[in-house]
Amino acid sequence: MTNKKRIGLNVPTALYMGLKQEANASGQTLNGLIVQILWEWKKRNQSE
């Protein structure tokens, strides 16, 4: 059993390409980069 949920995102092509390039440059998958971005956003915004 997994502790994950699948979500679908529709993003503009330019954003997708930029995220994909950043993920590749940092040695991550696109999914991994998006999860990292979301965790950082949650940490920044949970104490507000």
C-alpha atoms as a PDB file:
ATOM      1  CA  MET A   1       0.000   0.000   0.000  1.00  0.00           C
ATOM      2  CA  THR A   2       1.317   3.434  -0.910  1.00  0.00           C
ATOM      3  CA  ASN A   3       0.993   6.663   0.993  1.00  0.00           C
ATOM      4  CA  LYS A   4       0.659   8.780  -2.164  1.00  0.00           C
ATOM      5  CA  LYS A   5      -2.135  10.301  -4.216  1.00  0.00           C
ATOM      6  CA  ARG A   6      -2.026  10.913  -7.934  1.00  0.00           C
ATOM      7  CA  ILE A   7      -2.945  14.369  -9.215  1.00  0.00           C
ATOM      8  CA  GLY A   8      -3.112  15.655 -12.756  1.00  0.00           C
ATOM      9  CA  LEU A   9      -1.817  19.055 -13.743  1.00  0.00           C
ATOM     10  CA  ASN A  10      -2.416  20.935 -16.958  1.00  0.00           C
ATOM     11  CA  VAL A  11       0.272  23.579 -17.368  1.00  0.00           C
ATOM     12  CA  PRO A  12       1.257  25.849 -20.232  1.00  0.00           C
ATOM     13  CA  THR A  13       3.862  24.339 -22.543  1.00  0.00           C
ATOM     14  CA  ALA A  14       6.417  27.037 -21.703  1.00  0.00           C
ATOM     15  CA  LEU A  15       6.125  26.279 -17.976  1.00  0.00           C
ATOM     16  CA  TYR A  16       6.377  22.532 -18.617  1.00  0.00           C
ATOM     17  CA  MET A  17       9.514  22.971 -20.720  1.00  0.00           C
ATOM     18  CA  GLY A  18      11.129  25.255 -18.129  1.00  0.00           C
ATOM     19  CA  LEU A  19      10.385  22.835 -15.283  1.00  0.00           C
ATOM     20  CA  LYS A  20      11.579  19.868 -17.344  1.00  0.00           C
ATOM     21  CA  GLN A  21      14.874  21.633 -18.142  1.00  0.00           C
ATOM     22  CA  GLU A  22      15.380  22.565 -14.482  1.00  0.00           C
ATOM     23  CA  ALA A  23      14.656  19.001 -13.379  1.00  0.00           C
ATOM     24  CA  ASN A  24      17.142  17.600 -15.887  1.00  0.00           C
ATOM     25  CA  ALA A  25      19.801  20.133 -14.892  1.00  0.00           C
ATOM     26  CA  SER A  26      19.455  19.204 -11.214  1.00  0.00           C
ATOM     27  CA  GLY A  27      19.358  15.455 -11.864  1.00  0.00           C
ATOM     28  CA  GLN A  28      15.731  15.046 -10.818  1.00  0.00           C
ATOM     29  CA  THR A  29      12.587  13.822 -12.463  1.00  0.00           C
ATOM     30  CA  LEU A  30       9.923  16.362 -13.308  1.00  0.00           C
ATOM     31  CA  ASN A  31       7.664  14.786 -10.692  1.00  0.00           C
ATOM     32  CA  GLY A  32      10.431  14.984  -8.075  1.00  0.00           C
ATOM     33  CA  LEU A  33      11.020  18.658  -8.795  1.00  0.00           C
ATOM     34  CA  ILE A  34       7.316  19.491  -8.546  1.00  0.00           C
ATOM     35  CA  VAL A  35       6.999  17.597  -5.243  1.00  0.00           C
ATOM     36  CA  GLN A  36      10.049  19.478  -3.906  1.00  0.00           C
ATOM     37  CA  ILE A  37       8.538  22.820  -4.960  1.00  0.00           C
ATOM     38  CA  LEU A  38       5.237  21.962  -3.280  1.00  0.00           C
ATOM     39  CA  TRP A  39       6.926  20.861  -0.014  1.00  0.00           C
ATOM     40  CA  GLU A  40       8.940  24.113   0.088  1.00  0.00           C
ATOM     41  CA  TRP A  41       5.770  26.141  -0.548  1.00  0.00           C
ATOM     42  CA  LYS A  42       3.936  24.269   2.227  1.00  0.00           C
ATOM     43  CA  LYS A  43       6.767  24.837   4.733  1.00  0.00           C
ATOM     44  CA  ARG A  44       6.881  28.569   3.912  1.00  0.00           C
ATOM     45  CA  ASN A  45       3.123  29.041   4.153  1.00  0.00           C
ATOM     46  CA  GLN A  46       2.059  26.807   7.042  1.00  0.00           C
ATOM     47  CA  SER A  47       3.232  29.203   9.762  1.00  0.00           C
ATOM     48  CA  GLU A  48       1.447  32.249   8.298  1.00  0.00           C
END
